Amino acid sequence: MFDSVREDLRAVLERDPAARSGLQVALLYSGLHAVWAYRLAHRLHRRGFTFLARAVSQTARFLTGVEIHPGASLGRRCFIDHGTGVIIGETAVLGDDVLLYQGVTLGGTGKESGKRHPTLGDRVVVGAGAKVLGNIRIGSDTRIGANSVVLRDVPSHSTVVGIPGRVVRRRKLDENEVLSHQNLPDPNMRAMARIEARLAALERRLGRIPRGGRR
């Protein structure tokens, strides 16, 4: 237990430049408090104390703004940055070293039964406000841009943006690139640039054709 706590503190200190000390993180980081409360609730849930487990998770939700269902499965060193508005569904599975920003939803798409929430591999980063919905798999080392809506499986080492989410890059990123959300590619702007270039070329070609006939 204490090893897990130390791992969590170290993960926050390594990934959040605003973190000044382990004591500050332990006392003041609501995302970390939500993860610790989840671990207690998850143990109760696995032992059959489902009502008590849900009571713990709802109390943590009230105090932290983060709702993690006791039935979800979170890996080691999960870090929820800021935390407010994060929702993790009952059958969601998160690998190790996952980073979630505020407003993230790992949810379902309807009233289906069984596995209905996403599975995230190791070292996945999900940007602020992003929604990952349904029984889909997000491969390891993937980065999901802010406010994206992901509805389909995503291979490892991908960068995903947009509504619906689209893979715009596939390569392994270093730590600095993973956390640099301001540098995400914009597929819509790229498409507009291509259209403008083709339009300009067409206008140049039409300008060389004499009026009333072909060149």
C-alpha atoms as a PDB file:
ATOM      1  CA  MET A   1       0.000   0.000   0.000  1.00  0.00           C
ATOM      2  CA  PHE A   2       2.693   2.500   0.993  1.00  0.00           C
ATOM      3  CA  ASP A   3       4.706   1.615  -2.121  1.00  0.00           C
ATOM      4  CA  SER A   4       1.641   2.430  -4.216  1.00  0.00           C
ATOM      5  CA  VAL A   5       1.203   5.780  -2.465  1.00  0.00           C
ATOM      6  CA  ARG A   6       4.840   6.679  -3.079  1.00  0.00           C
ATOM      7  CA  GLU A   7       4.490   5.698  -6.739  1.00  0.00           C
ATOM      8  CA  ASP A   8       1.447   7.930  -7.101  1.00  0.00           C
ATOM      9  CA  LEU A   9       3.198  10.893  -5.502  1.00  0.00           C
ATOM     10  CA  ARG A  10       6.277  10.424  -7.672  1.00  0.00           C
ATOM     11  CA  ALA A  11       4.132  10.187 -10.825  1.00  0.00           C
ATOM     12  CA  VAL A  12       2.464  13.518 -10.061  1.00  0.00           C
ATOM     13  CA  LEU A  13       5.761  15.240  -9.259  1.00  0.00           C
ATOM     14  CA  GLU A  14       7.255  14.006 -12.529  1.00  0.00           C
ATOM     15  CA  ARG A  15       4.314  14.986 -14.735  1.00  0.00           C
ATOM     16  CA  ASP A  16       2.954  18.197 -13.230  1.00  0.00           C
ATOM     17  CA  PRO A  17       5.319  21.196 -13.276  1.00  0.00           C
ATOM     18  CA  ALA A  18       3.070  22.975 -10.768  1.00  0.00           C
ATOM     19  CA  ALA A  19       3.704  20.326  -8.104  1.00  0.00           C
ATOM     20  CA  ARG A  20       6.178  21.654  -5.530  1.00  0.00           C
ATOM     21  CA  SER A  21       6.452  18.843  -2.990  1.00  0.00           C
ATOM     22  CA  GLY A  22       5.111  15.454  -2.058  1.00  0.00           C
ATOM     23  CA  LEU A  23       3.280  16.971   0.911  1.00  0.00           C
ATOM     24  CA  GLN A  24       1.538  19.507  -1.318  1.00  0.00           C
ATOM     25  CA  VAL A  25       0.465  16.785  -3.733  1.00  0.00           C
ATOM     26  CA  ALA A  26      -0.752  14.457  -0.971  1.00  0.00           C
ATOM     27  CA  LEU A  27      -2.861  17.119   0.722  1.00  0.00           C
ATOM     28  CA  LEU A  28      -4.132  19.286  -2.133  1.00  0.00           C
ATOM     29  CA  TYR A  29      -4.488  17.243  -5.342  1.00  0.00           C
ATOM     30  CA  SER A  30      -8.128  16.199  -5.740  1.00  0.00           C
ATOM     31  CA  GLY A  31      -7.396  13.903  -8.693  1.00  0.00           C
ATOM     32  CA  LEU A  32      -5.016  11.906  -6.537  1.00  0.00           C
ATOM     33  CA  HIS A  33      -7.537  11.793  -3.685  1.00  0.00           C
ATOM     34  CA  ALA A  34     -10.114  10.411  -6.121  1.00  0.00           C
ATOM     35  CA  VAL A  35      -7.732   7.616  -7.183  1.00  0.00           C
ATOM     36  CA  TRP A  36      -6.987   6.715  -3.565  1.00  0.00           C
ATOM     37  CA  ALA A  37     -10.701   6.650  -2.730  1.00  0.00           C
ATOM     38  CA  TYR A  38     -11.307   4.476  -5.803  1.00  0.00           C
ATOM     39  CA  ARG A  39      -8.791   1.911  -4.582  1.00  0.00           C
ATOM     40  CA  LEU A  40     -10.657   1.539  -1.307  1.00  0.00           C
ATOM     41  CA  ALA A  41     -14.000   1.341  -3.105  1.00  0.00           C
ATOM     42  CA  HIS A  42     -12.621  -1.188  -5.610  1.00  0.00           C
ATOM     43  CA  ARG A  43     -11.466  -3.505  -2.829  1.00  0.00           C
ATOM     44  CA  LEU A  44     -14.900  -3.323  -1.221  1.00  0.00           C
ATOM     45  CA  HIS A  45     -16.573  -3.946  -4.583  1.00  0.00           C
ATOM     46  CA  ARG A  46     -14.471  -7.042  -5.271  1.00  0.00           C
ATOM     47  CA  ARG A  47     -15.368  -8.455  -1.843  1.00  0.00           C
ATOM     48  CA  GLY A  48     -19.077  -8.067  -2.495  1.00  0.00           C
ATOM     49  CA  PHE A  49     -19.731  -4.918  -0.463  1.00  0.00           C
ATOM     50  CA  THR A  50     -21.204  -3.153  -3.473  1.00  0.00           C
ATOM     51  CA  PHE A  51     -23.400  -0.681  -1.600  1.00  0.00           C
ATOM     52  CA  LEU A  52     -20.569   0.433   0.666  1.00  0.00           C
ATOM     53  CA  ALA A  53     -18.217   0.631  -2.324  1.00  0.00           C
ATOM     54  CA  ARG A  54     -20.676   2.846  -4.183  1.00  0.00           C
ATOM     55  CA  ALA A  55     -21.116   5.023  -1.100  1.00  0.00           C
ATOM     56  CA  VAL A  56     -17.349   5.563  -0.944  1.00  0.00           C
ATOM     57  CA  SER A  57     -17.163   6.440  -4.650  1.00  0.00           C
ATOM     58  CA  GLN A  58     -20.077   8.891  -4.432  1.00  0.00           C
ATOM     59  CA  THR A  59     -18.574  10.578  -1.385  1.00  0.00           C
ATOM     60  CA  ALA A  60     -15.307  10.938  -3.309  1.00  0.00           C
ATOM     61  CA  ARG A  61     -17.262  12.354  -6.255  1.00  0.00           C
ATOM     62  CA  PHE A  62     -18.852  14.969  -3.994  1.00  0.00           C
ATOM     63  CA  LEU A  63     -15.484  15.957  -2.516  1.00  0.00           C
ATOM     64  CA  THR A  64     -13.298  15.837  -5.628  1.00  0.00           C
ATOM     65  CA  GLY A  65     -15.570  16.242  -8.665  1.00  0.00           C
ATOM     66  CA  VAL A  66     -14.250  12.927 -10.048  1.00  0.00           C
ATOM     67  CA  GLU A  67     -16.533   9.904 -10.453  1.00  0.00           C
ATOM     68  CA  ILE A  68     -14.815   6.522 -10.732  1.00  0.00           C
ATOM     69  CA  HIS A  69     -17.079   3.502 -10.586  1.00  0.00           C
ATOM     70  CA  PRO A  70     -15.793   0.931  -8.066  1.00  0.00           C
ATOM     71  CA  GLY A  71     -15.979  -1.758 -10.736  1.00  0.00           C
ATOM     72  CA  ALA A  72     -13.515  -0.029 -13.061  1.00  0.00           C
ATOM     73  CA  SER A  73      -9.941  -1.272 -13.281  1.00  0.00           C
ATOM     74  CA  LEU A  74      -7.149   1.306 -12.964  1.00  0.00           C
ATOM     75  CA  GLY A  75      -3.486   0.479 -13.436  1.00  0.00           C
ATOM     76  CA  ARG A  76      -0.541   1.817 -11.501  1.00  0.00           C
ATOM     77  CA  ARG A  77       0.405   5.484 -11.351  1.00  0.00           C
ATOM     78  CA  CYS A  78      -2.853   6.742 -12.859  1.00  0.00           C
ATOM     79  CA  PHE A  79      -2.839  10.548 -12.666  1.00  0.00           C
ATOM     80  CA  ILE A  80      -5.984  12.672 -13.010  1.00  0.00           C
ATOM     81  CA  ASP A  81      -4.779  16.252 -13.502  1.00  0.00           C
ATOM     82  CA  HIS A  82      -7.117  18.869 -11.953  1.00  0.00           C
ATOM     83  CA  GLY A  83      -9.837  16.232 -12.132  1.00  0.00           C
ATOM     84  CA  THR A  84     -13.124  18.130 -12.108  1.00  0.00           C
ATOM     85  CA  GLY A  85     -15.720  16.479 -14.321  1.00  0.00           C
ATOM     86  CA  VAL A  86     -13.823  13.233 -14.972  1.00  0.00           C
ATOM     87  CA  ILE A  87     -16.077  10.155 -15.252  1.00  0.00           C
ATOM     88  CA  ILE A  88     -14.803   6.568 -15.499  1.00  0.00           C
ATOM     89  CA  GLY A  89     -17.428   3.900 -16.131  1.00  0.00           C
ATOM     90  CA  GLU A  90     -17.928   0.528 -14.470  1.00  0.00           C
ATOM     91  CA  THR A  91     -16.235  -1.690 -17.060  1.00  0.00           C
ATOM     92  CA  ALA A  92     -13.479   0.728 -18.067  1.00  0.00           C
ATOM     93  CA  VAL A  93      -9.929  -0.664 -17.927  1.00  0.00           C
ATOM     94  CA  LEU A  94      -6.887   1.600 -17.688  1.00  0.00           C
ATOM     95  CA  GLY A  95      -3.287   0.483 -18.057  1.00  0.00           C
ATOM     96  CA  ASP A  96      -0.279   1.860 -16.209  1.00  0.00           C
ATOM     97  CA  ASP A  97       0.840   5.516 -16.311  1.00  0.00           C
ATOM     98  CA  VAL A  98      -2.409   6.805 -17.825  1.00  0.00           C
ATOM     99  CA  LEU A  99      -2.908  10.579 -17.663  1.00  0.00           C
ATOM    100  CA  LEU A 100      -6.406  12.099 -17.761  1.00  0.00           C
ATOM    101  CA  TYR A 101      -7.146  15.816 -17.822  1.00  0.00           C
ATOM    102  CA  GLN A 102     -10.263  17.562 -16.536  1.00  0.00           C
ATOM    103  CA  GLY A 103     -13.620  16.810 -18.106  1.00  0.00           C
ATOM    104  CA  VAL A 104     -12.657  13.432 -19.583  1.00  0.00           C
ATOM    105  CA  THR A 105     -15.381  10.798 -19.922  1.00  0.00           C
ATOM    106  CA  LEU A 106     -14.633   7.106 -20.326  1.00  0.00           C
ATOM    107  CA  GLY A 107     -18.219   6.034 -20.850  1.00  0.00           C
ATOM    108  CA  GLY A 108     -20.685   3.847 -22.692  1.00  0.00           C
ATOM    109  CA  THR A 109     -22.848   4.500 -25.734  1.00  0.00           C
ATOM    110  CA  GLY A 110     -26.210   3.121 -24.602  1.00  0.00           C
ATOM    111  CA  LYS A 111     -27.853   0.538 -22.393  1.00  0.00           C
ATOM    112  CA  GLU A 112     -25.847  -2.452 -23.593  1.00  0.00           C
ATOM    113  CA  SER A 113     -24.785  -4.977 -20.955  1.00  0.00           C
ATOM    114  CA  GLY A 114     -21.417  -6.562 -20.303  1.00  0.00           C
ATOM    115  CA  LYS A 115     -18.204  -4.796 -21.310  1.00  0.00           C
ATOM    116  CA  ARG A 116     -19.458  -1.394 -22.435  1.00  0.00           C
ATOM    117  CA  HIS A 117     -16.671   1.021 -21.546  1.00  0.00           C
ATOM    118  CA  PRO A 118     -13.257   1.591 -23.147  1.00  0.00           C
ATOM    119  CA  THR A 119      -9.939  -0.111 -22.476  1.00  0.00           C
ATOM    120  CA  LEU A 120      -6.872   2.125 -22.425  1.00  0.00           C
ATOM    121  CA  GLY A 121      -3.364   0.738 -22.811  1.00  0.00           C
ATOM    122  CA  ASP A 122      -0.280   1.936 -20.966  1.00  0.00           C
ATOM    123  CA  ARG A 123       0.889   5.569 -21.090  1.00  0.00           C
ATOM    124  CA  VAL A 124      -2.254   6.892 -22.762  1.00  0.00           C
ATOM    125  CA  VAL A 125      -2.873  10.644 -22.435  1.00  0.00           C
ATOM    126  CA  VAL A 126      -6.459  11.923 -22.777  1.00  0.00           C
ATOM    127  CA  GLY A 127      -6.829  15.691 -23.198  1.00  0.00           C
ATOM    128  CA  ALA A 128      -9.288  17.974 -21.429  1.00  0.00           C
ATOM    129  CA  GLY A 129     -12.934  17.410 -22.302  1.00  0.00           C
ATOM    130  CA  ALA A 130     -12.312  14.359 -24.497  1.00  0.00           C
ATOM    131  CA  LYS A 131     -14.919  11.577 -24.610  1.00  0.00           C
ATOM    132  CA  VAL A 132     -13.912   7.961 -25.207  1.00  0.00           C
ATOM    133  CA  LEU A 133     -17.090   5.932 -25.557  1.00  0.00           C
ATOM    134  CA  GLY A 134     -18.067   2.305 -25.909  1.00  0.00           C
ATOM    135  CA  ASN A 135     -16.286  -1.032 -25.714  1.00  0.00           C
ATOM    136  CA  ILE A 136     -13.269   0.091 -27.721  1.00  0.00           C
ATOM    137  CA  ARG A 137      -9.528  -0.258 -27.223  1.00  0.00           C
ATOM    138  CA  ILE A 138      -7.055   2.600 -27.189  1.00  0.00           C
ATOM    139  CA  GLY A 139      -3.541   1.307 -27.833  1.00  0.00           C
ATOM    140  CA  SER A 140      -0.584   2.106 -25.619  1.00  0.00           C
ATOM    141  CA  ASP A 141       1.336   5.379 -26.022  1.00  0.00           C
ATOM    142  CA  THR A 142      -1.627   7.085 -27.658  1.00  0.00           C
ATOM    143  CA  ARG A 143      -2.477  10.771 -27.237  1.00  0.00           C
ATOM    144  CA  ILE A 144      -6.087  11.966 -27.546  1.00  0.00           C
ATOM    145  CA  GLY A 145      -6.552  15.685 -28.155  1.00  0.00           C
ATOM    146  CA  ALA A 146      -8.760  17.952 -26.072  1.00  0.00           C
ATOM    147  CA  ASN A 147     -12.520  17.732 -26.778  1.00  0.00           C
ATOM    148  CA  SER A 148     -12.135  14.798 -29.168  1.00  0.00           C
ATOM    149  CA  VAL A 149     -14.878  12.161 -29.298  1.00  0.00           C
ATOM    150  CA  VAL A 150     -13.429   8.685 -29.868  1.00  0.00           C
ATOM    151  CA  LEU A 151     -15.838   5.920 -30.908  1.00  0.00           C
ATOM    152  CA  ARG A 152     -13.553   3.366 -32.611  1.00  0.00           C
ATOM    153  CA  ASP A 153     -10.455   1.356 -31.751  1.00  0.00           C
ATOM    154  CA  VAL A 154      -7.178   3.256 -31.968  1.00  0.00           C
ATOM    155  CA  PRO A 155      -3.810   1.551 -32.636  1.00  0.00           C
ATOM    156  CA  SER A 156      -0.796   2.133 -30.402  1.00  0.00           C
ATOM    157  CA  HIS A 157       1.471   5.181 -30.868  1.00  0.00           C
ATOM    158  CA  SER A 158      -1.353   7.255 -32.358  1.00  0.00           C
ATOM    159  CA  THR A 159      -2.424  10.870 -32.064  1.00  0.00           C
ATOM    160  CA  VAL A 160      -6.206  11.332 -32.285  1.00  0.00           C
ATOM    161  CA  VAL A 161      -8.149  14.584 -32.736  1.00  0.00           C
ATOM    162  CA  GLY A 162     -11.598  15.692 -33.848  1.00  0.00           C
ATOM    163  CA  ILE A 163     -15.268  14.755 -33.689  1.00  0.00           C
ATOM    164  CA  PRO A 164     -15.425  11.909 -34.388  1.00  0.00           C
ATOM    165  CA  GLY A 165     -11.845  11.205 -33.419  1.00  0.00           C
ATOM    166  CA  ARG A 166      -9.451  10.462 -36.274  1.00  0.00           C
ATOM    167  CA  VAL A 167      -5.897   9.200 -36.206  1.00  0.00           C
ATOM    168  CA  VAL A 168      -3.761  12.020 -37.608  1.00  0.00           C
ATOM    169  CA  ARG A 169      -0.326  10.681 -36.716  1.00  0.00           C
ATOM    170  CA  ARG A 170       1.219   7.288 -35.970  1.00  0.00           C
ATOM    171  CA  ARG A 171       4.663   7.311 -34.426  1.00  0.00           C
ATOM    172  CA  LYS A 172       6.186   6.992 -30.999  1.00  0.00           C
ATOM    173  CA  LEU A 173       6.372  10.338 -29.201  1.00  0.00           C
ATOM    174  CA  ASP A 174       8.830  11.393 -26.544  1.00  0.00           C
ATOM    175  CA  GLU A 175       7.598  12.663 -23.167  1.00  0.00           C
ATOM    176  CA  ASN A 176       7.702  16.329 -24.156  1.00  0.00           C
ATOM    177  CA  GLU A 177       5.661  15.731 -27.309  1.00  0.00           C
ATOM    178  CA  VAL A 178       3.087  13.647 -25.430  1.00  0.00           C
ATOM    179  CA  LEU A 179       2.342  16.504 -23.049  1.00  0.00           C
ATOM    180  CA  SER A 180       2.413  19.278 -25.690  1.00  0.00           C
ATOM    181  CA  HIS A 181      -1.257  19.501 -26.589  1.00  0.00           C
ATOM    182  CA  GLN A 182      -0.810  22.881 -28.287  1.00  0.00           C
ATOM    183  CA  ASN A 183       1.135  21.120 -31.068  1.00  0.00           C
ATOM    184  CA  LEU A 184      -1.576  18.684 -32.150  1.00  0.00           C
ATOM    185  CA  PRO A 185      -2.146  18.446 -35.922  1.00  0.00           C
ATOM    186  CA  ASP A 186      -5.353  20.011 -37.249  1.00  0.00           C
ATOM    187  CA  PRO A 187      -6.770  17.810 -40.051  1.00  0.00           C
ATOM    188  CA  ASN A 188      -9.516  20.315 -40.896  1.00  0.00           C
ATOM    189  CA  MET A 189      -7.017  23.119 -41.471  1.00  0.00           C
ATOM    190  CA  ARG A 190      -4.857  20.789 -43.549  1.00  0.00           C
ATOM    191  CA  ALA A 191      -7.858  19.860 -45.704  1.00  0.00           C
ATOM    192  CA  MET A 192      -8.784  23.529 -46.169  1.00  0.00           C
ATOM    193  CA  ALA A 193      -5.196  24.365 -47.144  1.00  0.00           C
ATOM    194  CA  ARG A 194      -5.271  21.624 -49.800  1.00  0.00           C
ATOM    195  CA  ILE A 195      -8.604  22.906 -51.158  1.00  0.00           C
ATOM    196  CA  GLU A 196      -7.312  26.489 -51.287  1.00  0.00           C
ATOM    197  CA  ALA A 197      -4.156  25.367 -53.101  1.00  0.00           C
ATOM    198  CA  ARG A 198      -6.180  23.453 -55.709  1.00  0.00           C
ATOM    199  CA  LEU A 199      -8.567  26.404 -56.132  1.00  0.00           C
ATOM    200  CA  ALA A 200      -5.670  28.796 -56.657  1.00  0.00           C
ATOM    201  CA  ALA A 201      -4.156  26.446 -59.256  1.00  0.00           C
ATOM    202  CA  LEU A 202      -7.519  26.186 -61.035  1.00  0.00           C
ATOM    203  CA  GLU A 203      -7.918  29.974 -61.088  1.00  0.00           C
ATOM    204  CA  ARG A 204      -4.434  30.368 -62.564  1.00  0.00           C
ATOM    205  CA  ARG A 205      -5.250  27.814 -65.239  1.00  0.00           C
ATOM    206  CA  LEU A 206      -8.569  29.484 -66.090  1.00  0.00           C
ATOM    207  CA  GLY A 207      -6.835  32.853 -66.265  1.00  0.00           C
ATOM    208  CA  ARG A 208      -4.703  31.558 -69.144  1.00  0.00           C
ATOM    209  CA  ILE A 209      -7.758  30.518 -71.229  1.00  0.00           C
ATOM    210  CA  PRO A 210      -9.015  33.300 -73.590  1.00  0.00           C
ATOM    211  CA  ARG A 211     -12.659  34.333 -73.215  1.00  0.00           C
ATOM    212  CA  GLY A 212     -15.055  32.622 -75.581  1.00  0.00           C
ATOM    213  CA  GLY A 213     -12.854  29.715 -76.433  1.00  0.00           C
ATOM    214  CA  ARG A 214     -10.248  27.209 -75.485  1.00  0.00           C
ATOM    215  CA  ARG A 215      -6.605  27.919 -75.168  1.00  0.00           C
END
